[in-house]
């Protein structure tokens, strides 16, 4: 690890991570800032999303058009956005171009113009996203499921709240940028064809004095076992279910991941087999793990016709409970193969590795190699999974239903 990985902690609180990937010409960068939906002010929910757009409308000496042209000229594949716990910026290109872009990304996060003529457009885009939710009831359901099940403010929707966005001002965004775009708690990771000495020198030059501390938030426990129904006239009913699980740091993490892969892992999972293949109840069904720092949950979804909705919910709950009775060797073998395959695919991408380094360091406080992850998956056995399932019965369930009529919930 000493020759392949790199870590440096700046006095400002910024953590720099690096991974040298032999045999590639590209590199990728991920920057996480502690400015996510969870620390949006209670009266300005959605401000982080507006701000993530606004900082890209000119920075440093460049106006909005000049900034876009410069980044395009470097050949960067780039993305940005807001999650529950971070605002993120990412880019990928040939290695030297990514290093060259660091000064411009420093301008974006530290010296944005935050122009008045760009504010209304950024806010309007954020508001327009709500209009599509009525046409996407599945997305509407998942948002409500997370809001209800996760402790506040970790269940917040990064889109925010329309009433808060309508009252948001440019000056409030400028104030939020000053207080939340800071070095303390920020993580910058670079993976690919890189020289650690060059990376450290450039990051120190552009981010070394990136100081400040973002506002912290306190968690309010969620109320377990809630059942929520939202009326939506439709020929379809959408069902969401969630229950608490373990955090990423738990020693049983990969026992849990294998178990949930058995339950909801694509077309070979029990939910697809039982609800769709055998019984023809649903057109879409899945279950997966949703983890944030310090908390974890299993989230499930089923989309079905109205006349089969009750049977679909009953069967969904039945299959979740059935999992506690144990899994078979062939199911564990298939689940491990699936998890390792996704790990290998991620490992072949510089963008995936840059994002993975930053995610692991935030969640675990440490860097994991791909070999360590694959070894952890390999250590999972039928006995270890079944022992975990016996010790962690599911429930209480949070259930959200979006459709024309309510259902009888367990």
Protein backbone atom coordinates (compact mmCIF):
# COMPACT_ATOMS: atom_id res chain seq x y z
CA UNK A 1 0.00 0.00 0.00
CA UNK A 2 2.88 2.41 0.72
CA UNK A 3 3.81 2.72 -2.95
CA UNK A 4 0.32 2.62 -4.43
CA UNK A 5 -1.65 4.82 -2.03
CA UNK A 6 -1.14 8.25 -0.58
CA UNK A 7 -2.74 10.31 2.20
CA UNK A 8 -2.01 13.79 3.46
CA UNK A 9 -3.88 15.84 6.07
CA UNK A 10 -3.68 19.61 5.71
CA UNK A 11 -3.90 21.87 8.78
CA UNK A 12 -7.13 23.30 7.38
CA UNK A 13 -8.82 19.90 7.79
CA UNK A 14 -8.76 18.96 4.11
CA UNK A 15 -7.73 15.34 3.49
CA UNK A 16 -5.90 14.46 0.26
CA UNK A 17 -6.03 10.85 -0.94
CA UNK A 18 -4.32 9.27 -3.93
CA UNK A 19 -4.07 5.96 -5.73
CA UNK A 20 -1.50 5.17 -8.42
CA UNK A 21 -3.05 2.88 -11.05
CA UNK A 22 -0.46 1.32 -13.32
CA UNK A 23 -1.25 0.77 -16.97
CA UNK A 24 -3.70 3.67 -17.42
CA UNK A 25 -3.18 7.08 -18.99
CA UNK A 26 -6.21 8.72 -17.39
CA UNK A 27 -6.82 10.12 -13.95
CA UNK A 28 -9.91 11.17 -12.03
CA UNK A 29 -10.62 13.56 -9.19
CA UNK A 30 -13.41 13.63 -6.61
CA UNK A 31 -13.89 16.52 -4.21
CA UNK A 32 -16.35 16.15 -1.32
CA UNK A 33 -17.37 19.27 0.58
CA UNK A 34 -19.33 19.10 3.86
CA UNK A 35 -22.25 21.00 2.33
CA UNK A 36 -25.00 18.46 1.80
CA UNK A 37 -28.75 18.53 2.27
CA UNK A 38 -28.38 17.46 5.90
CA UNK A 39 -26.84 20.77 6.90
CA UNK A 40 -29.10 22.96 4.80
CA UNK A 41 -30.65 25.50 7.21
CA UNK A 42 -34.16 24.51 8.28
CA UNK A 43 -35.59 27.54 6.45
CA UNK A 44 -33.42 27.14 3.33
CA UNK A 45 -33.72 23.48 2.36
CA UNK A 46 -32.45 23.08 -1.18
CA UNK A 47 -29.91 25.88 -0.86
CA UNK A 48 -27.01 23.46 -1.33
CA UNK A 49 -28.48 22.31 -4.65
CA UNK A 50 -28.92 25.87 -5.89
CA UNK A 51 -25.42 26.74 -4.72
CA UNK A 52 -23.86 23.72 -6.49
CA UNK A 53 -25.27 25.09 -9.75
CA UNK A 54 -24.47 28.73 -9.02
CA UNK A 55 -20.76 28.19 -8.30
CA UNK A 56 -20.34 26.87 -11.85
CA UNK A 57 -21.65 30.12 -13.38
CA UNK A 58 -18.29 31.82 -13.33
CA UNK A 59 -15.32 31.58 -10.96
CA UNK A 60 -11.99 33.28 -10.47
CA UNK A 61 -11.18 35.40 -13.53
CA UNK A 62 -13.61 33.52 -15.81
CA UNK A 63 -17.26 34.25 -16.44
CA UNK A 64 -19.76 31.44 -16.94
CA UNK A 65 -18.99 30.92 -20.65
CA UNK A 66 -15.26 31.21 -20.12
CA UNK A 67 -15.34 28.64 -17.31
CA UNK A 68 -17.26 26.11 -19.40
CA UNK A 69 -15.01 26.65 -22.43
CA UNK A 70 -11.87 26.19 -20.34
CA UNK A 71 -13.03 22.95 -18.72
CA UNK A 72 -14.24 21.64 -22.09
CA UNK A 73 -10.88 22.57 -23.58
CA UNK A 74 -9.14 20.33 -21.05
CA UNK A 75 -11.28 17.42 -22.27
CA UNK A 76 -12.71 16.80 -18.81
CA UNK A 77 -15.60 14.43 -18.27
CA UNK A 78 -17.15 16.08 -15.24
CA UNK A 79 -20.08 15.98 -12.87
CA UNK A 80 -21.29 17.74 -9.77
CA UNK A 81 -24.23 17.53 -7.44
CA UNK A 82 -25.55 17.38 -3.91
CA UNK A 83 -26.19 14.37 -1.71
CA UNK A 84 -27.35 14.09 1.86
CA UNK A 85 -23.93 14.69 3.40
CA UNK A 86 -21.84 16.35 0.68
CA UNK A 87 -21.66 18.58 -2.34
CA UNK A 88 -19.38 16.81 -4.79
CA UNK A 89 -17.36 17.76 -7.87
CA UNK A 90 -15.74 15.14 -10.08
CA UNK A 91 -13.74 15.08 -13.29
CA UNK A 92 -11.71 12.64 -15.40
CA UNK A 93 -9.31 13.02 -18.32
CA UNK A 94 -5.72 12.21 -19.21
CA UNK A 95 -3.65 12.55 -16.06
CA UNK A 96 -1.91 15.94 -16.63
CA UNK A 97 -5.21 17.63 -17.55
CA UNK A 98 -6.82 16.58 -14.28
CA UNK A 99 -3.89 18.02 -12.35
CA UNK A 100 -4.13 21.18 -14.47
CA UNK A 101 -7.81 21.55 -13.55
CA UNK A 102 -7.14 21.76 -9.79
CA UNK A 103 -6.59 25.52 -9.87
CA UNK A 104 -9.90 26.04 -11.63
CA UNK A 105 -11.76 23.77 -9.22
CA UNK A 106 -10.21 25.80 -6.41
CA UNK A 107 -11.72 28.91 -8.03
CA UNK A 108 -15.09 27.16 -8.33
CA UNK A 109 -15.37 26.21 -4.66
CA UNK A 110 -13.39 29.08 -3.11
CA UNK A 111 -13.83 32.06 -5.44
CA UNK A 112 -17.10 31.66 -7.37
CA UNK A 113 -18.66 34.79 -8.82
CA UNK A 114 -22.17 33.82 -7.67
CA UNK A 115 -23.65 36.20 -10.25
CA UNK A 116 -27.02 37.82 -9.86
CA UNK A 117 -28.04 36.96 -13.42
CA UNK A 118 -27.34 33.27 -12.73
CA UNK A 119 -29.18 32.98 -9.44
CA UNK A 120 -32.73 33.03 -10.81
CA UNK A 121 -31.85 30.41 -13.41
CA UNK A 122 -30.25 28.12 -10.81
CA UNK A 123 -33.21 28.46 -8.46
CA UNK A 124 -35.75 27.97 -11.26
CA UNK A 125 -34.02 24.75 -12.32
CA UNK A 126 -34.23 23.48 -8.74
CA UNK A 127 -37.94 24.33 -8.59
CA UNK A 128 -38.64 22.71 -11.98
CA UNK A 129 -37.37 19.39 -10.71
CA UNK A 130 -40.38 19.15 -8.42
CA UNK A 131 -42.76 19.31 -11.36
CA UNK A 132 -41.51 15.99 -12.65
CA UNK A 133 -42.22 14.13 -9.40
CA UNK A 134 -45.94 13.88 -10.14
CA UNK A 135 -45.02 12.11 -13.37
CA UNK A 136 -42.50 9.87 -11.57
CA UNK A 137 -44.40 8.35 -8.64
CA UNK A 138 -41.62 5.81 -7.98
CA UNK A 139 -39.13 8.62 -7.34
CA UNK A 140 -41.71 10.43 -5.24
CA UNK A 141 -42.17 7.29 -3.15
CA UNK A 142 -38.43 6.71 -2.57
CA UNK A 143 -37.99 10.32 -1.47
CA UNK A 144 -40.85 9.98 1.02
CA UNK A 145 -39.58 6.59 2.22
CA UNK A 146 -36.13 7.99 3.01
CA UNK A 147 -37.57 11.10 4.65
CA UNK A 148 -39.75 8.97 6.89
CA UNK A 149 -37.33 6.21 7.80
CA UNK A 150 -33.94 7.85 8.27
CA UNK A 151 -33.29 10.03 11.31
CA UNK A 152 -33.66 13.72 10.53
CA UNK A 153 -31.93 15.43 8.77
CA UNK A 154 -30.31 12.37 7.08
CA UNK A 155 -33.58 11.57 5.31
CA UNK A 156 -33.76 14.94 3.60
CA UNK A 157 -34.30 15.20 -0.11
CA UNK A 158 -31.40 17.18 -1.65
CA UNK A 159 -33.96 18.86 -3.92
CA UNK A 160 -35.14 20.74 -0.83
CA UNK A 161 -38.61 22.19 -0.28
CA UNK A 162 -40.43 24.37 -2.84
CA UNK A 163 -41.53 26.94 -0.25
CA UNK A 164 -37.93 27.37 0.95
CA UNK A 165 -36.60 27.68 -2.59
CA UNK A 166 -39.19 30.29 -3.45
CA UNK A 167 -37.96 32.47 -0.57
CA UNK A 168 -34.27 31.82 -1.21
CA UNK A 169 -32.22 34.92 -2.10
CA UNK A 170 -28.87 35.48 -3.75
CA UNK A 171 -27.52 37.02 -0.56
CA UNK A 172 -28.57 33.91 1.40
CA UNK A 173 -26.67 31.75 -1.11
CA UNK A 174 -23.60 33.94 -0.75
CA UNK A 175 -23.83 33.61 3.03
CA UNK A 176 -24.25 29.84 2.75
CA UNK A 177 -21.23 29.57 0.48
CA UNK A 178 -19.10 31.46 2.98
CA UNK A 179 -20.17 29.28 5.90
CA UNK A 180 -20.32 25.84 4.25
CA UNK A 181 -17.73 25.59 1.47
CA UNK A 182 -14.72 24.98 3.69
CA UNK A 183 -11.67 22.81 4.18
CA UNK A 184 -12.56 21.24 7.51
CA UNK A 185 -14.08 17.86 6.66
CA UNK A 186 -13.43 18.18 2.91
CA UNK A 187 -11.92 15.20 1.04
CA UNK A 188 -10.06 15.42 -2.28
CA UNK A 189 -9.12 12.13 -3.93
CA UNK A 190 -7.23 11.47 -7.17
CA UNK A 191 -6.72 8.08 -8.81
CA UNK A 192 -4.93 7.02 -11.98
CA UNK A 193 -1.74 7.95 -13.80
CA UNK A 194 -0.43 10.42 -11.20
CA UNK A 195 2.76 11.41 -9.43
CA UNK A 196 2.11 11.85 -5.72
CA UNK A 197 4.70 14.61 -5.32
CA UNK A 198 3.15 16.60 -8.15
CA UNK A 199 -0.37 16.07 -6.79
CA UNK A 200 0.63 17.16 -3.28
CA UNK A 201 2.36 20.26 -4.57
CA UNK A 202 -0.59 21.32 -6.72
CA UNK A 203 -3.21 20.63 -4.06
CA UNK A 204 -1.15 22.48 -1.46
CA UNK A 205 -0.85 25.43 -3.85
CA UNK A 206 -4.58 25.68 -4.54
CA UNK A 207 -6.24 24.20 -1.44
CA UNK A 208 -3.60 24.21 1.30
CA UNK A 209 -5.07 27.23 3.09
CA UNK A 210 -8.70 26.25 2.42
CA UNK A 211 -9.90 26.93 5.95
CA UNK A 212 -13.26 27.31 7.69
CA UNK A 213 -15.63 24.91 9.42
CA UNK A 214 -19.07 23.90 8.18
CA UNK A 215 -22.10 23.97 10.52
CA UNK A 216 -22.80 20.64 12.23
CA UNK A 217 -26.21 19.05 12.71
CA UNK A 218 -27.78 16.89 15.42
CA UNK A 219 -29.80 13.78 14.60
CA UNK A 220 -33.43 13.43 15.61
CA UNK A 221 -34.45 9.76 15.87
CA UNK A 222 -37.03 8.54 13.41
CA UNK A 223 -40.29 6.95 14.58
CA UNK A 224 -40.12 3.26 13.56
CA UNK A 225 -43.00 1.36 12.05
CA UNK A 226 -44.80 4.20 10.28
CA UNK A 227 -47.19 3.45 7.42
CA UNK A 228 -47.94 6.30 5.02
CA UNK A 229 -50.39 6.43 2.12
CA UNK A 230 -50.35 9.13 -0.56
CA UNK A 231 -53.24 9.31 -2.98
CA UNK A 232 -52.31 9.39 -6.65
CA UNK A 233 -54.92 8.44 -9.27
CA UNK A 234 -53.23 5.87 -11.46
CA UNK A 235 -53.50 2.41 -12.92
CA UNK A 236 -50.49 1.46 -10.82
CA UNK A 237 -49.60 1.23 -7.14
CA UNK A 238 -46.09 1.84 -5.86
CA UNK A 239 -44.95 0.21 -2.62
CA UNK A 240 -41.86 1.13 -0.61
CA UNK A 241 -40.57 -0.61 2.49
CA UNK A 242 -37.61 0.07 4.79
CA UNK A 243 -36.17 -1.31 8.01
CA UNK A 244 -33.04 -0.62 10.02
CA UNK A 245 -29.82 -2.43 9.32
CA UNK A 246 -26.17 -2.11 10.32
CA UNK A 247 -23.74 0.69 9.33
CA UNK A 248 -20.84 0.17 6.93
CA UNK A 249 -18.41 -0.05 9.87
CA UNK A 250 -20.10 -3.12 11.38
CA UNK A 251 -18.07 -6.39 11.19
CA UNK A 252 -21.14 -8.08 9.71
CA UNK A 253 -21.36 -5.63 6.82
CA UNK A 254 -20.56 -8.15 4.07
CA UNK A 255 -22.72 -10.85 5.65
CA UNK A 256 -25.57 -8.36 5.37
CA UNK A 257 -24.66 -7.36 1.80
CA UNK A 258 -24.62 -11.00 0.67
CA UNK A 259 -27.98 -11.63 2.37
CA UNK A 260 -29.59 -8.64 0.66
CA UNK A 261 -28.08 -9.69 -2.67
CA UNK A 262 -29.84 -13.04 -2.20
CA UNK A 263 -33.09 -11.21 -1.47
CA UNK A 264 -33.11 -8.49 -4.10
CA UNK A 265 -30.07 -8.91 -6.34
CA UNK A 266 -31.51 -8.53 -9.81
CA UNK A 267 -33.20 -11.31 -11.77
CA UNK A 268 -31.67 -14.08 -9.64
CA UNK A 269 -32.89 -12.59 -6.35
CA UNK A 270 -35.75 -14.09 -4.42
CA UNK A 271 -37.99 -11.06 -4.84
CA UNK A 272 -37.79 -11.13 -8.63
CA UNK A 273 -38.18 -14.91 -8.72
CA UNK A 274 -41.14 -15.10 -6.33
CA UNK A 275 -43.08 -11.91 -7.05
CA UNK A 276 -42.55 -11.59 -10.77
CA UNK A 277 -41.49 -14.93 -12.27
CA UNK A 278 -43.61 -17.33 -10.23
CA UNK A 279 -46.63 -15.24 -9.25
CA UNK A 280 -46.73 -12.48 -11.87
CA UNK A 281 -47.58 -9.86 -9.25
CA UNK A 282 -45.23 -7.01 -10.15
CA UNK A 283 -43.54 -5.41 -13.13
CA UNK A 284 -40.63 -4.17 -11.03
CA UNK A 285 -39.23 -5.21 -7.66
CA UNK A 286 -35.92 -4.81 -5.85
CA UNK A 287 -34.26 -4.46 -2.47
CA UNK A 288 -30.90 -2.98 -1.55
CA UNK A 289 -28.78 -1.43 1.14
CA UNK A 290 -28.92 2.29 1.89
CA UNK A 291 -26.05 3.44 4.07
CA UNK A 292 -25.09 6.85 5.42
CA UNK A 293 -22.40 7.60 7.97
CA UNK A 294 -23.38 5.90 11.21
CA UNK A 295 -26.69 4.48 9.98
CA UNK A 296 -27.90 1.82 7.58
CA UNK A 297 -31.21 0.56 6.25
CA UNK A 298 -32.66 -1.96 3.83
CA UNK A 299 -34.89 -0.33 1.24
CA UNK A 300 -37.29 -2.21 -1.01
CA UNK A 301 -39.67 -1.33 -3.83
CA UNK A 302 -42.46 -2.99 -5.77
CA UNK A 303 -44.46 -1.55 -8.69
CA UNK A 304 -47.69 -3.33 -9.55
CA UNK A 305 -51.22 -2.99 -10.86
CA UNK A 306 -53.91 -1.83 -8.44
CA UNK A 307 -55.71 -5.17 -8.33
CA UNK A 308 -52.50 -6.99 -7.34
CA UNK A 309 -51.16 -4.40 -4.92
CA UNK A 310 -52.30 -6.06 -1.70
CA UNK A 311 -50.95 -9.45 -2.73
CA UNK A 312 -47.68 -7.80 -3.78
CA UNK A 313 -47.23 -6.11 -0.40
CA UNK A 314 -48.08 -9.32 1.45
CA UNK A 315 -45.61 -11.34 -0.62
CA UNK A 316 -42.89 -8.69 -0.28
CA UNK A 317 -43.12 -8.80 3.52
CA UNK A 318 -43.32 -12.59 3.45
CA UNK A 319 -40.07 -12.87 1.49
CA UNK A 320 -38.26 -10.47 3.81
CA UNK A 321 -39.27 -12.57 6.83
CA UNK A 322 -38.46 -15.80 4.99
CA UNK A 323 -34.86 -14.62 4.63
CA UNK A 324 -34.35 -15.08 8.38
CA UNK A 325 -34.93 -18.80 7.96
CA UNK A 326 -31.64 -19.04 6.09
CA UNK A 327 -29.98 -18.96 2.70
CA UNK A 328 -28.64 -21.82 0.59
CA UNK A 329 -25.01 -22.40 -0.47
CA UNK A 330 -25.76 -21.77 -4.14
CA UNK A 331 -27.44 -18.46 -3.25
CA UNK A 332 -24.41 -17.30 -1.26
CA UNK A 333 -22.02 -18.33 -4.04
CA UNK A 334 -24.04 -16.40 -6.63
CA UNK A 335 -24.29 -13.32 -4.39
CA UNK A 336 -20.55 -13.27 -3.72
CA UNK A 337 -19.82 -13.47 -7.44
CA UNK A 338 -22.13 -10.52 -8.06
CA UNK A 339 -20.55 -8.37 -5.35
CA UNK A 340 -17.02 -9.19 -6.48
CA UNK A 341 -17.90 -8.45 -10.11
CA UNK A 342 -19.17 -4.99 -9.23
CA UNK A 343 -16.01 -4.39 -7.17
CA UNK A 344 -13.77 -5.38 -10.09
CA UNK A 345 -15.72 -3.22 -12.55
CA UNK A 346 -15.37 -0.24 -10.23
CA UNK A 347 -11.68 -0.95 -9.82
CA UNK A 348 -11.05 -0.72 -13.55
CA UNK A 349 -12.30 2.87 -13.65
CA UNK A 350 -10.23 5.80 -12.40
CA UNK A 351 -13.47 7.67 -11.70
CA UNK A 352 -14.79 4.73 -9.68
CA UNK A 353 -11.59 4.48 -7.65
CA UNK A 354 -11.41 8.22 -6.95
CA UNK A 355 -15.01 8.16 -5.74
CA UNK A 356 -14.39 4.93 -3.78
CA UNK A 357 -11.37 6.36 -1.97
CA UNK A 358 -13.30 9.44 -0.88
CA UNK A 359 -16.35 7.40 0.16
CA UNK A 360 -14.32 4.89 2.17
CA UNK A 361 -12.36 7.57 3.96
CA UNK A 362 -15.52 9.47 4.90
CA UNK A 363 -17.40 6.36 6.05
CA UNK A 364 -14.54 4.35 7.55
CA UNK A 365 -11.74 6.81 8.18
CA UNK A 366 -9.40 4.62 6.12
CA UNK A 367 -8.53 3.61 2.56
CA UNK A 368 -9.41 0.09 1.42
CA UNK A 369 -7.71 -1.68 -1.45
CA UNK A 370 -9.73 -3.67 -3.95
CA UNK A 371 -7.95 -6.78 -2.70
CA UNK A 372 -9.13 -6.09 0.85
CA UNK A 373 -12.70 -5.67 -0.32
CA UNK A 374 -12.63 -8.87 -2.39
CA UNK A 375 -11.06 -10.78 0.53
CA UNK A 376 -13.81 -9.55 2.86
CA UNK A 377 -16.44 -10.82 0.42
CA UNK A 378 -14.63 -14.16 0.10
CA UNK A 379 -14.72 -14.64 3.89
CA UNK A 380 -18.52 -14.71 3.84
CA UNK A 381 -19.92 -18.22 4.28
CA UNK A 382 -23.35 -19.77 4.42
CA UNK A 383 -22.96 -20.18 8.17
CA UNK A 384 -21.85 -16.58 8.75
CA UNK A 385 -24.77 -15.21 6.73
CA UNK A 386 -27.32 -17.42 8.45
CA UNK A 387 -25.90 -16.57 11.86
CA UNK A 388 -26.23 -12.86 11.04
CA UNK A 389 -29.82 -13.28 9.80
CA UNK A 390 -30.79 -15.17 12.96
CA UNK A 391 -29.43 -12.33 15.10
CA UNK A 392 -30.98 -9.50 13.04
CA UNK A 393 -34.68 -10.13 12.40
CA UNK A 394 -36.24 -7.49 10.11
CA UNK A 395 -38.52 -4.72 11.32
CA UNK A 396 -40.23 -2.65 12.38
CA UNK A 397 -41.12 -1.70 8.83
CA UNK A 398 -41.63 1.77 7.42
CA UNK A 399 -44.09 1.42 4.54
CA UNK A 400 -45.05 4.05 1.98
CA UNK A 401 -47.76 3.46 -0.61
CA UNK A 402 -48.47 5.75 -3.57
CA UNK A 403 -51.58 4.88 -5.53
CA UNK A 404 -55.35 5.25 -5.73
CA UNK A 405 -56.25 3.35 -2.55
CA UNK A 406 -54.62 2.34 0.74
CA UNK A 407 -53.52 -1.19 1.51
CA UNK A 408 -53.70 -3.30 4.66
CA UNK A 409 -50.23 -3.17 6.19
CA UNK A 410 -48.64 -5.78 8.49
